[in-house]
Protein backbone atom coordinates (compact mmCIF):
# COMPACT_ATOMS: atom_id res chain seq x y z
CA UNK A 1 0.00 0.00 0.00
CA UNK A 2 1.31 3.43 -0.96
CA UNK A 3 -0.19 6.60 0.47
CA UNK A 4 0.23 10.03 -1.13
CA UNK A 5 -0.27 12.92 1.26
CA UNK A 6 -0.34 16.68 0.99
CA UNK A 7 -1.71 19.36 3.28
CA UNK A 8 -5.32 18.82 2.20
CA UNK A 9 -5.71 15.13 1.49
CA UNK A 10 -4.33 11.63 1.61
CA UNK A 11 -5.05 8.83 -0.82
CA UNK A 12 -3.92 5.21 -0.65
CA UNK A 13 -3.13 3.00 -3.63
CA UNK A 14 -2.63 -0.74 -3.88
CA UNK A 15 0.05 -0.62 -6.58
CA UNK A 16 3.03 1.46 -7.55
CA UNK A 17 1.51 2.12 -10.99
CA UNK A 18 -1.65 3.56 -9.40
CA UNK A 19 0.40 5.80 -7.11
CA UNK A 20 2.53 7.02 -10.02
CA UNK A 21 -0.58 7.91 -12.02
CA UNK A 22 -2.03 9.77 -9.05
CA UNK A 23 1.21 11.74 -8.54
CA UNK A 24 1.21 12.74 -12.21
CA UNK A 25 -2.40 13.95 -11.89
CA UNK A 26 -1.59 15.84 -8.68
CA UNK A 27 1.26 17.71 -10.34
CA UNK A 28 -0.81 18.44 -13.45
CA UNK A 29 -3.43 20.05 -11.23
CA UNK A 30 -0.80 22.29 -9.66
CA UNK A 31 1.10 23.32 -12.74
CA UNK A 32 -1.44 23.57 -15.52
CA UNK A 33 0.36 24.54 -18.71
CA UNK A 34 3.73 24.93 -16.93
CA UNK A 35 4.01 21.23 -16.16
CA UNK A 36 7.44 19.80 -17.02
CA UNK A 37 7.45 16.40 -18.70
CA UNK A 38 7.14 13.38 -16.41
CA UNK A 39 9.67 11.19 -18.18
CA UNK A 40 10.82 8.81 -15.46
CA UNK A 41 11.25 5.08 -15.75
CA UNK A 42 10.09 3.89 -12.35
CA UNK A 43 10.35 0.30 -11.25
CA UNK A 44 10.67 0.53 -7.46
CA UNK A 45 9.28 2.54 -4.57
CA UNK A 46 12.72 4.10 -4.11
CA UNK A 47 12.73 5.13 -7.78
CA UNK A 48 9.27 6.66 -7.31
CA UNK A 49 10.51 8.68 -4.33
CA UNK A 50 13.47 9.95 -6.39
CA UNK A 51 11.19 10.86 -9.29
CA UNK A 52 8.83 12.81 -7.02
CA UNK A 53 11.74 14.71 -5.44
CA UNK A 54 13.19 15.54 -8.85
CA UNK A 55 9.82 16.52 -10.29
CA UNK A 56 9.11 18.81 -7.31
CA UNK A 57 12.38 20.61 -7.97
CA UNK A 58 11.71 20.95 -11.71
CA UNK A 59 8.14 22.11 -11.15
CA UNK A 60 9.15 24.63 -8.50
CA UNK A 61 11.64 26.15 -10.95
CA UNK A 62 8.90 26.48 -13.58
CA UNK A 63 6.48 28.01 -11.06
CA UNK A 64 9.13 30.29 -9.52
CA UNK A 65 8.69 28.96 -5.99
CA UNK A 66 10.43 26.76 -3.47
CA UNK A 67 9.95 23.00 -3.78
CA UNK A 68 8.99 23.08 -0.10
CA UNK A 69 5.66 24.61 -1.19
CA UNK A 70 4.86 21.39 -3.08
CA UNK A 71 3.80 19.20 -0.21
CA UNK A 72 3.25 15.80 -1.84
CA UNK A 73 4.72 13.09 0.40
CA UNK A 74 4.88 9.32 0.00
CA UNK A 75 4.34 6.74 2.72
CA UNK A 76 4.32 3.00 2.14
CA UNK A 77 3.57 -0.10 4.15
CA UNK A 78 6.70 -0.94 6.07
CA UNK A 79 8.02 2.65 6.17
CA UNK A 80 9.42 3.69 9.51
């Protein structure tokens, strides 16, 4: 189980593919036409975490803000 959280909501997904799709949608909602390409090959939860961190940085640059304003976080079963 993978949970995506931000300040306003949390949603849980059964698979990595579902969580990736949800993250892409979340970013599209934030960025509109300024959305940088999501061109990551993700095969593991660790790879997903890296992709989200990288995408936050790229999106923040496009939006002219700090990546700290983009609050999407990832929690997964077994995380400490």
